[in-house]
Amino acid sequence: MKVFQKKLKETRTLCGLTQRQVAEALGISQPSYIRYENGSSEPTLENLAKIADLFDVSVDFLLGRKEY
């Protein structure tokens, strides 16, 4: 999952969002979101889709399967 962690953090940073802002958009706590970025937890399928929508990227991009 290291690819996901890297893509998640890079994309959030490029979008100019804080971890808190992303967590609020997902309806989860900031510590829960931080666990996604540091790899100690994985998002549910529902939250993975929400992350992709929030960043306007595909789930495949977040998982490292596509370049966009």
N, C-alpha and C. Protein backbone atom coordinates (compact mmCIF):
# COMPACT_ATOMS: atom_id res chain seq x y z
N MET A 1 0.82 -1.21 0.00
CA MET A 1 0.00 0.00 0.00
C MET A 1 0.86 1.27 0.00
N LYS A 2 2.14 1.14 -0.03
CA LYS A 2 2.99 2.33 0.01
C LYS A 2 2.69 3.28 -1.14
N VAL A 3 2.33 2.75 -2.31
CA VAL A 3 1.99 3.61 -3.44
C VAL A 3 0.78 4.46 -3.08
N PHE A 4 -0.24 3.84 -2.46
CA PHE A 4 -1.43 4.58 -2.07
C PHE A 4 -1.09 5.70 -1.10
N GLN A 5 -0.30 5.40 -0.09
CA GLN A 5 0.09 6.41 0.90
C GLN A 5 0.77 7.59 0.22
N LYS A 6 1.70 7.30 -0.67
CA LYS A 6 2.44 8.35 -1.36
C LYS A 6 1.52 9.19 -2.25
N LYS A 7 0.69 8.52 -3.03
CA LYS A 7 -0.25 9.23 -3.92
C LYS A 7 -1.23 10.07 -3.11
N LEU A 8 -1.68 9.53 -2.00
CA LEU A 8 -2.64 10.23 -1.16
C LEU A 8 -2.05 11.54 -0.63
N LYS A 9 -0.87 11.46 -0.07
CA LYS A 9 -0.24 12.65 0.49
C LYS A 9 0.13 13.66 -0.60
N GLU A 10 0.72 13.18 -1.69
CA GLU A 10 1.10 14.08 -2.79
C GLU A 10 -0.12 14.79 -3.37
N THR A 11 -1.19 14.05 -3.59
CA THR A 11 -2.38 14.63 -4.19
C THR A 11 -3.03 15.63 -3.25
N ARG A 12 -3.09 15.30 -1.97
CA ARG A 12 -3.66 16.24 -0.99
C ARG A 12 -2.86 17.53 -0.98
N THR A 13 -1.55 17.42 -0.99
CA THR A 13 -0.67 18.59 -0.96
C THR A 13 -0.85 19.42 -2.23
N LEU A 14 -0.91 18.76 -3.39
CA LEU A 14 -1.11 19.48 -4.65
C LEU A 14 -2.45 20.21 -4.69
N CYS A 15 -3.44 19.65 -4.02
CA CYS A 15 -4.76 20.27 -3.97
C CYS A 15 -4.82 21.39 -2.93
N GLY A 16 -3.76 21.54 -2.16
CA GLY A 16 -3.70 22.59 -1.15
C GLY A 16 -4.60 22.37 0.04
N LEU A 17 -4.84 21.11 0.36
CA LEU A 17 -5.72 20.78 1.49
C LEU A 17 -4.91 20.26 2.67
N THR A 18 -5.41 20.54 3.84
CA THR A 18 -4.80 20.00 5.05
C THR A 18 -5.41 18.63 5.35
N GLN A 19 -4.75 17.89 6.22
CA GLN A 19 -5.30 16.60 6.63
C GLN A 19 -6.66 16.80 7.30
N ARG A 20 -6.79 17.85 8.06
CA ARG A 20 -8.06 18.14 8.73
C ARG A 20 -9.18 18.39 7.72
N GLN A 21 -8.88 19.17 6.67
CA GLN A 21 -9.88 19.47 5.66
C GLN A 21 -10.34 18.20 4.94
N VAL A 22 -9.41 17.34 4.62
CA VAL A 22 -9.77 16.09 3.95
C VAL A 22 -10.61 15.22 4.88
N ALA A 23 -10.19 15.11 6.12
CA ALA A 23 -10.95 14.31 7.09
C ALA A 23 -12.38 14.83 7.22
N GLU A 24 -12.53 16.15 7.31
CA GLU A 24 -13.87 16.73 7.42
C GLU A 24 -14.71 16.42 6.17
N ALA A 25 -14.10 16.50 4.99
CA ALA A 25 -14.82 16.21 3.75
C ALA A 25 -15.26 14.75 3.69
N LEU A 26 -14.46 13.88 4.30
CA LEU A 26 -14.80 12.45 4.32
C LEU A 26 -15.75 12.08 5.45
N GLY A 27 -15.88 12.98 6.42
CA GLY A 27 -16.73 12.69 7.57
C GLY A 27 -16.07 11.76 8.56
N ILE A 28 -14.73 11.84 8.64
CA ILE A 28 -13.99 11.02 9.60
C ILE A 28 -13.12 11.92 10.46
N SER A 29 -12.54 11.36 11.50
CA SER A 29 -11.66 12.15 12.36
C SER A 29 -10.31 12.36 11.68
N GLN A 30 -9.62 13.41 12.09
CA GLN A 30 -8.29 13.68 11.55
C GLN A 30 -7.33 12.52 11.85
N PRO A 31 -7.31 11.99 13.07
CA PRO A 31 -6.42 10.85 13.32
C PRO A 31 -6.71 9.65 12.40
N SER A 32 -7.96 9.43 12.07
CA SER A 32 -8.30 8.33 11.14
C SER A 32 -7.69 8.58 9.78
N TYR A 33 -7.78 9.82 9.31
CA TYR A 33 -7.20 10.15 8.01
C TYR A 33 -5.67 10.04 8.05
N ILE A 34 -5.07 10.50 9.12
CA ILE A 34 -3.61 10.41 9.26
C ILE A 34 -3.16 8.96 9.15
N ARG A 35 -3.94 8.04 9.69
CA ARG A 35 -3.60 6.61 9.59
C ARG A 35 -3.60 6.13 8.14
N TYR A 36 -4.46 6.72 7.30
CA TYR A 36 -4.44 6.38 5.87
C TYR A 36 -3.10 6.80 5.27
N GLU A 37 -2.66 8.01 5.59
CA GLU A 37 -1.41 8.53 5.01
C GLU A 37 -0.17 7.82 5.54
N ASN A 38 -0.21 7.36 6.78
CA ASN A 38 0.99 6.69 7.30
C ASN A 38 0.94 5.16 7.14
N GLY A 39 -0.14 4.66 6.57
CA GLY A 39 -0.23 3.25 6.25
C GLY A 39 -0.65 2.32 7.36
N SER A 40 -1.05 2.87 8.49
CA SER A 40 -1.47 1.98 9.58
C SER A 40 -2.94 1.59 9.48
N SER A 41 -3.65 2.19 8.51
CA SER A 41 -5.05 1.85 8.28
C SER A 41 -5.37 2.08 6.80
N GLU A 42 -6.35 1.37 6.30
CA GLU A 42 -6.78 1.53 4.92
C GLU A 42 -8.22 2.04 4.90
N PRO A 43 -8.55 2.89 3.93
CA PRO A 43 -9.91 3.40 3.86
C PRO A 43 -10.89 2.32 3.40
N THR A 44 -12.13 2.49 3.79
CA THR A 44 -13.18 1.62 3.27
C THR A 44 -13.34 1.92 1.78
N LEU A 45 -14.01 1.06 1.07
CA LEU A 45 -14.27 1.33 -0.35
C LEU A 45 -15.05 2.63 -0.53
N GLU A 46 -15.99 2.87 0.37
CA GLU A 46 -16.76 4.11 0.32
C GLU A 46 -15.85 5.33 0.48
N ASN A 47 -14.95 5.29 1.45
CA ASN A 47 -14.05 6.42 1.66
C ASN A 47 -13.01 6.53 0.54
N LEU A 48 -12.59 5.43 -0.02
CA LEU A 48 -11.67 5.47 -1.14
C LEU A 48 -12.32 6.20 -2.32
N ALA A 49 -13.58 5.90 -2.58
CA ALA A 49 -14.31 6.58 -3.65
C ALA A 49 -14.48 8.07 -3.33
N LYS A 50 -14.76 8.39 -2.08
CA LYS A 50 -14.90 9.79 -1.68
C LYS A 50 -13.58 10.55 -1.86
N ILE A 51 -12.47 9.91 -1.53
CA ILE A 51 -11.15 10.54 -1.70
C ILE A 51 -10.91 10.82 -3.18
N ALA A 52 -11.18 9.84 -4.02
CA ALA A 52 -10.98 10.02 -5.46
C ALA A 52 -11.85 11.17 -5.98
N ASP A 53 -13.09 11.23 -5.54
CA ASP A 53 -13.99 12.32 -5.96
C ASP A 53 -13.49 13.66 -5.46
N LEU A 54 -13.05 13.72 -4.22
CA LEU A 54 -12.58 14.97 -3.63
C LEU A 54 -11.39 15.52 -4.40
N PHE A 55 -10.47 14.64 -4.78
CA PHE A 55 -9.26 15.06 -5.48
C PHE A 55 -9.44 15.07 -7.00
N ASP A 56 -10.61 14.65 -7.47
CA ASP A 56 -10.91 14.58 -8.90
C ASP A 56 -9.89 13.71 -9.65
N VAL A 57 -9.64 12.55 -9.09
CA VAL A 57 -8.76 11.55 -9.70
C VAL A 57 -9.48 10.21 -9.66
N SER A 58 -8.93 9.23 -10.35
CA SER A 58 -9.53 7.90 -10.32
C SER A 58 -8.97 7.10 -9.14
N VAL A 59 -9.73 6.10 -8.76
CA VAL A 59 -9.25 5.17 -7.73
C VAL A 59 -8.00 4.47 -8.25
N ASP A 60 -7.99 4.15 -9.54
CA ASP A 60 -6.80 3.51 -10.12
C ASP A 60 -5.57 4.39 -9.96
N PHE A 61 -5.72 5.70 -10.10
CA PHE A 61 -4.59 6.61 -9.90
C PHE A 61 -4.09 6.51 -8.46
N LEU A 62 -5.00 6.56 -7.51
CA LEU A 62 -4.62 6.51 -6.10
C LEU A 62 -3.92 5.20 -5.75
N LEU A 63 -4.29 4.14 -6.44
CA LEU A 63 -3.69 2.84 -6.17
C LEU A 63 -2.44 2.59 -7.00
N GLY A 64 -2.07 3.55 -7.84
CA GLY A 64 -0.85 3.44 -8.63
C GLY A 64 -1.01 2.61 -9.89
N ARG A 65 -2.25 2.41 -10.32
CA ARG A 65 -2.49 1.60 -11.50
C ARG A 65 -2.54 2.42 -12.78
N LYS A 66 -2.71 3.74 -12.66
CA LYS A 66 -2.75 4.65 -13.81
C LYS A 66 -2.01 5.92 -13.45
N GLU A 67 -1.59 6.65 -14.46
CA GLU A 67 -0.84 7.87 -14.24
C GLU A 67 -1.71 9.10 -14.03
N TYR A 68 -3.01 8.99 -14.19
CA TYR A 68 -3.91 10.15 -14.03
C TYR A 68 -5.19 9.76 -13.38
